[in-house]
Protein backbone atom coordinates (compact mmCIF):
# COMPACT_ATOMS: atom_id res chain seq x y z
CA MET A 1 21.80 9.53 2.42
CA ARG A 2 19.27 12.00 3.69
CA ILE A 3 15.86 10.80 2.51
CA ALA A 4 12.37 12.31 2.69
CA VAL A 5 9.46 9.86 2.40
CA LEU A 6 6.10 11.30 1.29
CA VAL A 7 2.96 9.35 2.25
CA ASP A 8 -0.78 9.97 2.53
CA GLN A 9 -1.19 8.90 6.17
CA PHE A 10 1.20 7.98 8.95
CA PRO A 11 1.18 5.80 10.92
CA SER A 12 -1.04 3.28 9.14
CA LEU A 13 -1.74 -0.24 10.37
CA SER A 14 -2.58 -1.42 6.85
CA GLU A 15 0.60 -0.11 5.15
CA THR A 16 3.25 -2.29 6.77
CA PHE A 17 5.09 -2.34 3.44
CA ILE A 18 5.87 1.39 3.75
CA LEU A 19 6.77 1.08 7.44
CA ASN A 20 9.16 -1.80 6.74
CA GLN A 21 10.80 0.13 3.92
CA ILE A 22 11.37 3.15 6.18
CA THR A 23 12.86 1.11 9.02
CA GLY A 24 15.00 -0.83 6.54
CA LEU A 25 16.58 2.39 5.28
CA ILE A 26 17.16 3.59 8.86
CA ASP A 27 18.80 0.24 9.73
CA ARG A 28 21.21 0.84 6.86
CA GLY A 29 22.35 4.11 8.41
CA HIS A 30 20.33 6.58 6.38
CA GLU A 31 18.56 9.62 7.83
CA VAL A 32 14.84 9.36 7.02
CA ASP A 33 12.11 11.96 7.57
CA ILE A 34 8.44 11.32 6.87
CA TYR A 35 5.99 13.85 5.40
CA SER A 36 2.33 12.97 5.66
CA ASP A 37 -1.01 14.57 4.83
CA ARG A 38 -2.81 12.97 7.77
CA LEU A 39 -2.08 11.68 11.24
CA GLY A 40 -3.11 8.03 11.49
CA ASN A 41 -4.29 6.08 14.50
CA ILE A 42 -1.62 6.55 17.17
CA GLN A 43 -3.55 4.55 19.77
CA GLN A 44 -3.04 1.30 17.86
CA THR A 45 0.28 1.11 16.04
CA HIS A 46 2.94 -1.40 15.10
CA ALA A 47 5.82 -1.74 17.58
CA GLU A 48 8.32 -0.21 15.14
CA ILE A 49 6.66 3.21 15.48
CA GLN A 50 7.91 3.48 19.07
CA GLN A 51 11.06 1.41 18.54
CA TYR A 52 12.37 3.82 15.89
CA SER A 53 10.70 6.96 17.36
CA LEU A 54 9.14 7.52 13.95
CA LEU A 55 6.59 10.10 15.08
CA ASP A 56 9.53 12.34 16.03
CA ARG A 57 10.65 12.09 12.40
CA THR A 58 7.21 12.90 10.94
CA TYR A 59 5.93 16.26 9.64
CA TYR A 60 2.28 16.82 8.78
CA THR A 61 0.72 19.02 6.11
CA PRO A 62 -1.82 21.27 7.88
CA VAL A 63 -4.71 21.00 5.40
CA PRO A 64 -8.22 21.00 6.97
CA GLY A 65 -10.83 19.01 5.04
CA ASN A 66 -13.54 21.67 5.05
CA ALA A 67 -13.23 24.28 2.27
CA VAL A 68 -13.99 27.23 4.57
CA LEU A 69 -11.46 25.97 7.11
CA ARG A 70 -8.88 25.60 4.34
CA ILE A 71 -9.30 29.28 3.44
CA ILE A 72 -9.10 30.39 7.09
CA SER A 73 -6.11 28.12 7.66
CA ALA A 74 -4.35 29.44 4.55
CA ILE A 75 -4.83 33.05 5.69
CA PHE A 76 -3.49 32.15 9.14
CA LEU A 77 -0.47 30.34 7.68
CA PHE A 78 0.20 33.24 5.33
CA LEU A 79 0.23 35.75 8.19
CA ARG A 80 2.23 33.50 10.52
CA ASN A 81 4.92 32.51 8.01
CA PHE A 82 5.08 35.48 5.65
CA TRP A 83 7.92 37.18 7.53
CA THR A 84 9.90 33.92 7.61
CA ALA A 85 10.02 33.53 3.84
CA PRO A 86 8.04 36.30 2.14
CA LYS A 87 9.58 35.91 -1.34
CA LEU A 88 9.09 32.16 -1.25
CA ILE A 89 5.43 32.34 -0.25
CA LEU A 90 4.57 35.05 -2.78
CA ARG A 91 6.45 33.14 -5.48
CA ALA A 92 4.55 29.96 -4.64
CA ILE A 93 1.18 31.65 -4.96
CA ASN A 94 2.08 33.34 -8.24
CA PHE A 95 3.85 30.29 -9.70
CA VAL A 96 0.95 27.92 -9.08
CA ARG A 97 -1.48 30.48 -10.49
CA TYR A 98 0.18 30.18 -13.90
CA ASN A 99 1.39 26.56 -13.81
CA ARG A 100 -1.29 24.65 -11.91
CA ALA A 101 -2.15 22.43 -14.91
CA ASN A 102 1.16 20.61 -14.47
CA TYR A 103 0.44 19.35 -10.96
CA GLY A 104 -3.20 18.37 -10.86
CA GLU A 105 -4.75 17.99 -7.42
CA PRO A 106 -1.71 19.17 -5.38
CA ALA A 107 -2.00 22.58 -7.11
CA SER A 108 -5.66 23.05 -6.13
CA PHE A 109 -6.85 26.27 -4.52
CA LEU A 110 -4.64 27.40 -1.59
CA LYS A 111 -3.06 23.96 -1.16
CA PRO A 112 0.52 24.94 -2.10
CA LEU A 113 0.63 27.34 0.84
CA HIS A 114 -0.19 24.45 3.17
CA LEU A 115 2.27 22.14 1.42
CA ILE A 116 5.35 24.32 1.81
CA ILE A 117 5.02 24.93 5.58
CA PRO A 118 6.49 21.60 6.79
CA TRP A 119 9.50 22.09 4.49
CA LEU A 120 10.50 25.57 5.69
CA ASN A 121 13.95 25.61 7.31
CA GLN A 122 14.68 21.98 6.33
CA THR A 123 18.15 21.16 5.04
CA PRO A 124 18.26 19.59 1.56
CA TYR A 125 17.53 15.91 0.97
CA ASP A 126 19.42 13.62 -1.36
CA VAL A 127 16.31 11.72 -2.41
CA ILE A 128 12.58 12.38 -2.06
CA LEU A 129 10.84 8.98 -2.09
CA CYS A 130 7.11 9.36 -2.80
CA HIS A 131 4.58 6.61 -2.19
CA TYR A 132 1.66 6.99 -4.64
CA GLY A 133 1.54 9.18 -7.71
CA ARG A 134 -0.23 12.12 -6.10
CA ASN A 135 2.70 12.55 -3.73
CA GLY A 136 5.00 12.52 -6.72
CA LEU A 137 2.99 15.44 -8.11
CA LYS A 138 3.46 17.26 -4.79
CA ALA A 139 7.20 16.69 -4.81
CA THR A 140 7.48 17.94 -8.39
CA LEU A 141 5.59 21.10 -7.48
CA LEU A 142 7.77 21.69 -4.41
CA LYS A 143 10.94 21.16 -6.41
CA ASP A 144 9.80 23.53 -9.16
CA LEU A 145 9.14 26.12 -6.47
CA GLY A 146 12.71 25.69 -5.23
CA ILE A 147 11.48 24.52 -1.82
CA ILE A 148 13.09 21.09 -1.97
CA GLN A 149 16.19 19.70 -3.61
CA GLY A 150 17.21 16.15 -4.41
CA LYS A 151 16.21 13.44 -6.83
CA ILE A 152 12.55 12.39 -6.91
CA ALA A 153 11.52 8.73 -7.00
CA VAL A 154 7.84 7.74 -7.05
CA VAL A 155 6.43 4.35 -6.03
CA PHE A 156 3.20 3.46 -7.87
CA HIS A 157 0.97 0.97 -6.04
CA GLY A 158 -2.48 0.56 -7.59
CA TYR A 159 -5.10 3.18 -6.74
CA ASP A 160 -2.82 5.90 -8.05
CA ILE A 161 -2.73 4.35 -11.52
CA SER A 162 -6.29 3.06 -11.70
CA ARG A 163 -9.04 4.97 -9.87
CA TYR A 164 -6.94 8.15 -9.67
CA LEU A 165 -6.69 8.23 -13.47
CA ASP A 166 -10.46 7.85 -13.79
CA MET A 167 -10.90 10.82 -11.46
CA HIS A 168 -8.33 13.17 -12.97
CA GLY A 169 -7.71 11.96 -16.52
CA GLU A 170 -5.00 9.83 -18.10
CA ASP A 171 -2.82 12.88 -18.72
CA ILE A 172 -2.56 13.74 -15.01
CA TYR A 173 1.03 12.45 -14.82
CA ASN A 174 2.33 13.83 -18.12
CA TYR A 175 4.43 16.56 -16.50
CA LEU A 176 5.53 14.20 -13.72
CA PHE A 177 6.83 11.74 -16.33
CA GLU A 178 8.95 14.54 -17.85
CA GLN A 179 10.38 15.88 -14.60
CA VAL A 180 10.68 12.88 -12.28
CA ASP A 181 14.01 11.08 -11.93
CA LEU A 182 12.69 7.56 -11.35
CA LEU A 183 9.42 5.63 -11.17
CA LEU A 184 9.20 2.46 -9.07
CA PRO A 185 6.02 0.52 -9.96
CA ILE A 186 5.48 -2.39 -7.55
CA SER A 187 4.73 -4.87 -10.35
CA GLN A 188 5.41 -5.53 -14.02
CA TYR A 189 1.68 -5.04 -14.54
CA TRP A 190 1.85 -1.42 -13.40
CA GLN A 191 5.16 -0.83 -15.17
CA LYS A 192 3.47 -1.69 -18.46
CA LYS A 193 0.62 0.68 -17.59
CA LEU A 194 3.03 3.56 -16.90
CA ILE A 195 4.82 3.00 -20.20
CA ALA A 196 1.48 2.83 -22.04
CA LEU A 197 0.62 6.21 -20.50
CA GLY A 198 3.76 7.72 -22.01
CA CYS A 199 6.48 7.30 -19.41
CA ASN A 200 10.02 6.74 -20.65
CA PRO A 201 10.73 3.01 -20.05
CA HIS A 202 14.29 3.89 -18.97
CA LYS A 203 12.85 5.82 -16.02
CA THR A 204 11.04 2.79 -14.60
CA ILE A 205 12.30 -0.03 -12.39
CA VAL A 206 9.96 -2.65 -10.94
CA HIS A 207 10.48 -2.74 -7.19
CA HIS A 208 8.24 -5.13 -5.28
CA MET A 209 6.94 -4.48 -1.82
CA GLY A 210 8.07 -7.28 0.47
CA ILE A 211 8.02 -8.76 3.96
CA ASP A 212 10.52 -9.67 6.65
CA CYS A 213 10.73 -13.43 6.16
CA ASN A 214 12.38 -13.77 9.57
CA LYS A 215 9.09 -12.74 11.20
CA PHE A 216 7.20 -15.44 9.32
CA ASN A 217 8.72 -18.78 10.23
CA TYR A 218 7.65 -21.56 7.91
CA ALA A 219 5.43 -24.33 9.30
CA ALA A 220 4.12 -27.18 7.18
CA PRO A 221 0.30 -27.50 7.01
CA SER A 222 -1.34 -29.94 9.41
CA PHE A 223 -4.75 -31.59 9.61
CA SER A 224 -7.40 -30.00 11.83
CA LYS A 225 -11.13 -30.52 12.10
CA GLN A 226 -11.42 -26.83 13.09
CA PHE A 227 -10.59 -25.61 9.60
CA ALA A 228 -9.69 -21.91 9.86
CA LEU A 229 -9.66 -19.37 7.03
CA LEU A 230 -8.23 -15.85 7.24
CA SER A 231 -8.32 -12.58 5.30
CA VAL A 232 -6.36 -9.43 6.17
CA ALA A 233 -7.63 -6.40 4.26
CA ARG A 234 -9.25 -3.01 4.39
CA LEU A 235 -13.00 -3.39 4.13
CA VAL A 236 -13.33 -1.72 0.74
CA GLU A 237 -14.80 -2.96 -2.53
CA LYS A 238 -11.56 -3.83 -4.33
CA LYS A 239 -10.67 -6.39 -1.64
CA GLY A 240 -13.58 -8.53 -2.85
CA LEU A 241 -14.53 -9.79 0.61
CA GLU A 242 -18.20 -10.04 -0.31
CA TYR A 243 -17.30 -12.97 -2.58
CA SER A 244 -15.17 -14.86 -0.06
CA ILE A 245 -17.95 -14.45 2.53
CA ARG A 246 -20.50 -15.88 0.10
CA ALA A 247 -18.16 -18.75 -0.83
CA VAL A 248 -17.53 -19.71 2.79
CA ALA A 249 -21.26 -19.50 3.58
CA GLN A 250 -21.90 -22.05 0.79
CA LEU A 251 -19.56 -24.52 2.51
CA ILE A 252 -20.80 -24.18 6.08
CA PRO A 253 -23.66 -26.73 5.79
CA ARG A 254 -21.14 -29.43 4.71
CA TYR A 255 -18.31 -28.27 6.97
CA PRO A 256 -19.90 -27.07 10.24
CA HIS A 257 -16.49 -26.56 11.90
CA LEU A 258 -15.38 -24.03 9.26
CA GLN A 259 -14.27 -20.66 10.70
CA TYR A 260 -13.45 -17.53 8.70
CA GLN A 261 -11.80 -14.52 10.37
CA ILE A 262 -11.45 -11.18 8.61
CA VAL A 263 -8.91 -8.73 10.02
CA GLY A 264 -9.36 -5.11 8.95
CA ASP A 265 -11.77 -2.22 8.94
CA GLY A 266 -13.23 0.22 6.46
CA VAL A 267 -16.28 1.78 4.89
CA LEU A 268 -17.94 -1.55 4.06
CA ARG A 269 -17.90 -2.93 7.59
CA GLN A 270 -21.62 -2.51 8.23
CA GLU A 271 -22.52 -3.77 4.76
CA LEU A 272 -20.39 -6.90 5.17
CA ASP A 273 -21.74 -7.47 8.68
CA ASN A 274 -25.27 -7.31 7.29
CA LEU A 275 -24.33 -9.81 4.57
CA ILE A 276 -22.95 -12.25 7.14
CA GLN A 277 -26.20 -12.02 9.10
CA GLN A 278 -28.31 -12.51 5.95
CA LEU A 279 -26.34 -15.67 5.16
CA ASN A 280 -26.86 -16.98 8.73
CA ALA A 281 -23.11 -17.24 9.13
CA THR A 282 -22.48 -15.13 12.23
CA HIS A 283 -21.14 -18.13 14.20
CA HIS A 284 -18.63 -18.93 11.46
CA ILE A 285 -17.54 -15.60 9.90
CA LYS A 286 -16.16 -12.80 12.09
CA LEU A 287 -15.11 -9.22 11.35
CA LEU A 288 -12.33 -8.51 13.86
CA GLY A 289 -11.15 -4.98 13.06
CA TRP A 290 -7.46 -4.12 12.78
CA LYS A 291 -4.80 -6.08 14.62
CA GLN A 292 -1.11 -5.44 15.17
CA GLN A 293 1.33 -7.39 13.02
CA ALA A 294 2.30 -9.76 15.86
CA GLU A 295 -1.36 -10.68 16.35
CA ILE A 296 -1.84 -11.28 12.62
CA ILE A 297 1.19 -13.57 12.52
CA SER A 298 -0.26 -15.57 15.40
CA MET A 299 -3.60 -15.86 13.60
CA MET A 300 -1.87 -17.08 10.43
CA GLU A 301 -0.17 -19.81 12.44
CA ASN A 302 -3.61 -21.14 13.29
CA SER A 303 -5.09 -20.76 9.81
CA ALA A 304 -5.21 -23.33 7.02
CA LEU A 305 -5.84 -20.93 4.12
CA VAL A 306 -5.62 -17.20 3.43
CA LEU A 307 -8.17 -15.65 1.06
CA ALA A 308 -7.59 -12.47 -0.96
CA PRO A 309 -10.37 -12.34 -3.59
CA SER A 310 -9.36 -8.97 -5.08
CA VAL A 311 -11.53 -7.29 -7.73
CA THR A 312 -11.57 -4.14 -9.83
CA SER A 313 -14.13 -1.96 -8.08
CA ARG A 314 -17.01 -0.28 -9.89
CA ASP A 315 -15.16 3.05 -9.78
CA GLY A 316 -12.05 1.50 -11.37
CA ASP A 317 -9.92 1.11 -8.24
CA CYS A 318 -7.35 -1.73 -8.33
CA GLU A 319 -4.93 -3.47 -6.00
CA GLY A 320 -1.19 -3.68 -6.05
CA ILE A 321 -0.02 -7.07 -4.76
CA PRO A 322 -1.56 -7.66 -1.30
CA VAL A 323 1.11 -8.02 1.36
CA CYS A 324 -1.07 -10.49 3.29
CA LEU A 325 -0.50 -12.98 0.45
CA MET A 326 3.28 -12.70 0.86
CA GLU A 327 2.94 -13.13 4.62
CA SER A 328 0.76 -16.22 4.36
CA MET A 329 2.98 -17.84 1.74
CA ALA A 330 6.05 -17.20 3.91
CA LYS A 331 4.29 -18.89 6.83
CA GLY A 332 3.44 -21.89 4.69
CA VAL A 333 -0.26 -21.09 4.59
CA PRO A 334 -1.64 -21.63 1.05
CA ALA A 335 -3.22 -18.55 -0.52
CA LEU A 336 -6.28 -18.21 -2.76
CA SER A 337 -6.61 -15.03 -4.79
CA THR A 338 -7.70 -13.76 -8.21
CA TYR A 339 -6.29 -12.87 -11.63
CA HIS A 340 -6.13 -9.20 -10.69
CA SER A 341 -3.43 -6.54 -11.15
CA GLY A 342 0.03 -8.03 -10.51
CA ILE A 343 -1.06 -10.87 -8.21
CA SER A 344 -0.14 -13.50 -10.82
CA GLU A 345 3.47 -12.29 -10.52
CA LEU A 346 3.43 -13.56 -6.92
CA ILE A 347 1.15 -16.61 -7.17
CA GLU A 348 1.55 -19.18 -9.93
CA ASP A 349 -1.84 -20.87 -10.19
CA GLY A 350 -1.73 -24.49 -9.07
CA LYS A 351 1.89 -24.29 -7.97
CA SER A 352 2.41 -21.66 -5.26
CA GLY A 353 -1.29 -20.97 -4.66
CA TYR A 354 -4.56 -20.75 -6.57
CA LEU A 355 -5.93 -17.96 -8.73
CA LEU A 356 -9.54 -17.55 -9.87
CA PRO A 357 -11.44 -15.07 -12.03
CA GLU A 358 -12.75 -12.05 -10.14
CA ARG A 359 -16.12 -12.48 -8.38
CA ASP A 360 -16.16 -16.25 -8.93
CA VAL A 361 -17.97 -17.36 -5.76
CA SER A 362 -18.55 -20.97 -6.81
CA GLY A 363 -14.98 -21.36 -8.04
CA LEU A 364 -13.62 -20.00 -4.78
CA ALA A 365 -15.82 -22.33 -2.76
CA SER A 366 -14.68 -25.27 -4.90
CA LYS A 367 -10.96 -24.52 -4.37
CA ILE A 368 -11.45 -24.10 -0.62
CA GLU A 369 -13.21 -27.48 -0.48
CA ILE A 370 -10.43 -29.18 -2.47
CA LEU A 371 -7.80 -27.88 -0.08
CA ILE A 372 -9.86 -28.75 3.00
CA ASN A 373 -9.72 -32.39 1.93
CA ASP A 374 -6.17 -32.62 0.54
CA LEU A 375 -3.41 -32.09 3.10
CA GLU A 376 -0.72 -33.33 0.69
CA LEU A 377 -1.70 -30.71 -1.90
CA ARG A 378 -1.62 -27.97 0.73
CA THR A 379 1.86 -29.08 1.76
CA ILE A 380 3.19 -28.97 -1.81
CA ILE A 381 1.70 -25.51 -2.38
CA SER A 382 3.00 -24.20 0.93
CA LEU A 383 6.61 -25.18 0.13
CA ALA A 384 6.45 -23.53 -3.30
CA GLY A 385 4.89 -20.40 -1.81
CA ARG A 386 7.61 -20.01 0.83
CA GLN A 387 10.31 -20.42 -1.81
CA LYS A 388 8.73 -17.77 -4.06
CA VAL A 389 8.57 -15.19 -1.28
CA GLU A 390 12.10 -15.91 -0.06
CA GLN A 391 13.52 -15.41 -3.54
CA GLU A 392 11.52 -12.45 -4.86
CA TYR A 393 9.61 -10.72 -2.03
CA ASN A 394 12.16 -10.90 0.77
CA LEU A 395 12.28 -7.51 2.50
CA GLU A 396 15.98 -7.80 3.36
CA LEU A 397 16.91 -8.29 -0.28
CA LEU A 398 14.42 -5.68 -1.49
CA ASN A 399 15.65 -3.02 0.96
CA GLN A 400 19.22 -3.77 -0.09
CA SER A 401 18.16 -3.31 -3.71
CA LEU A 402 16.26 -0.08 -2.89
CA GLU A 403 19.33 1.32 -1.14
CA GLN A 404 21.43 0.62 -4.24
CA ILE A 405 18.79 2.15 -6.51
CA LEU A 406 18.61 5.34 -4.43
CA GLN A 407 22.41 5.57 -4.07
CA HIS A 408 22.74 5.33 -7.85
CA LEU A 409 19.96 7.90 -8.30
CA LYS A 410 21.67 10.30 -5.88
CA SER A 411 25.02 10.03 -7.69
CA ASP A 412 23.55 10.21 -11.20
CA GLN A 413 24.24 13.70 -12.52
CA ALA A 414 22.52 13.13 -15.88
């Protein structure tokens, strides 16, 4: 198959689930191109970016952030590309003028002109695979304009069906639901939300994000006085790191060897750093910034627990199912998280990990303390966690399933 993958940013250190899906499709012999709004950090990337020469397969939408620059850029693009496809460009401008309500944000002022440029002179694709709902809206607009061909499949993760709805209204996807060929929510939780919003249930298939279990060799928990905790997350409100920091700080007086490392970066870095200082925990809790996947795996090997205290943020933003939980469970490192979004589909409380209510600092501290002192319990949980990931979140099996789904979609003439 010839497949186009639409994403917000590429490359992205935090979105290994998209990277692994792309490389999995390439490994199966498919031709994959990537279309992205923004260039990510190319100074610090995962090894697969170079291994698969993915930047050579990536096309970027030239949309400046500043409104004045957008207008200047649009004029420049119009003049530069008008003679290449004059009817197409004029049709795009006129079409969006009368149909912009169908596409929401992607049909905003002058944006369609920027959107079509990377697609000029491209041969048709069999499938356009969109990560996040807003990219599904883009693909629908481009297909209606006649700029792209192929079946459209949209992966819904979390933000795009929580905070995005609060920003743009619950009817933002109504036209998408009518026109799209397939929706791939990453959890049953989000599948139910899509159906409640009016999507045809027959157009939805739950397709989990997953991990390469071969990269995460299982190791049974062991006793160590230097009890290490780990979180891997963007430093944003929905990750709930404020609450894990407070929980760990409560335990430090009784467990002076406790260490908590947080891998990731984001808008809350300074705020969380200030909190750590206020709690007098700077010698025990460290913000490390982003690390490559190999470094994270190494850190997990030396950790006793992984914490992912996800919450619904004040602006309504929600998680999908954090990949770091799958990684830790595959390694045999017990995971503590919350009853949030679809996380309970991965972790069965008390069996393959522990789940707590959101923002429950004392409960989180209590569970950490129980596991600190009970190696046998950690061992039981670690075995169940590995088994769960191998059976249901194994990237090899998921990529095989995705290939079958997309092959069927391509051949479906209905």
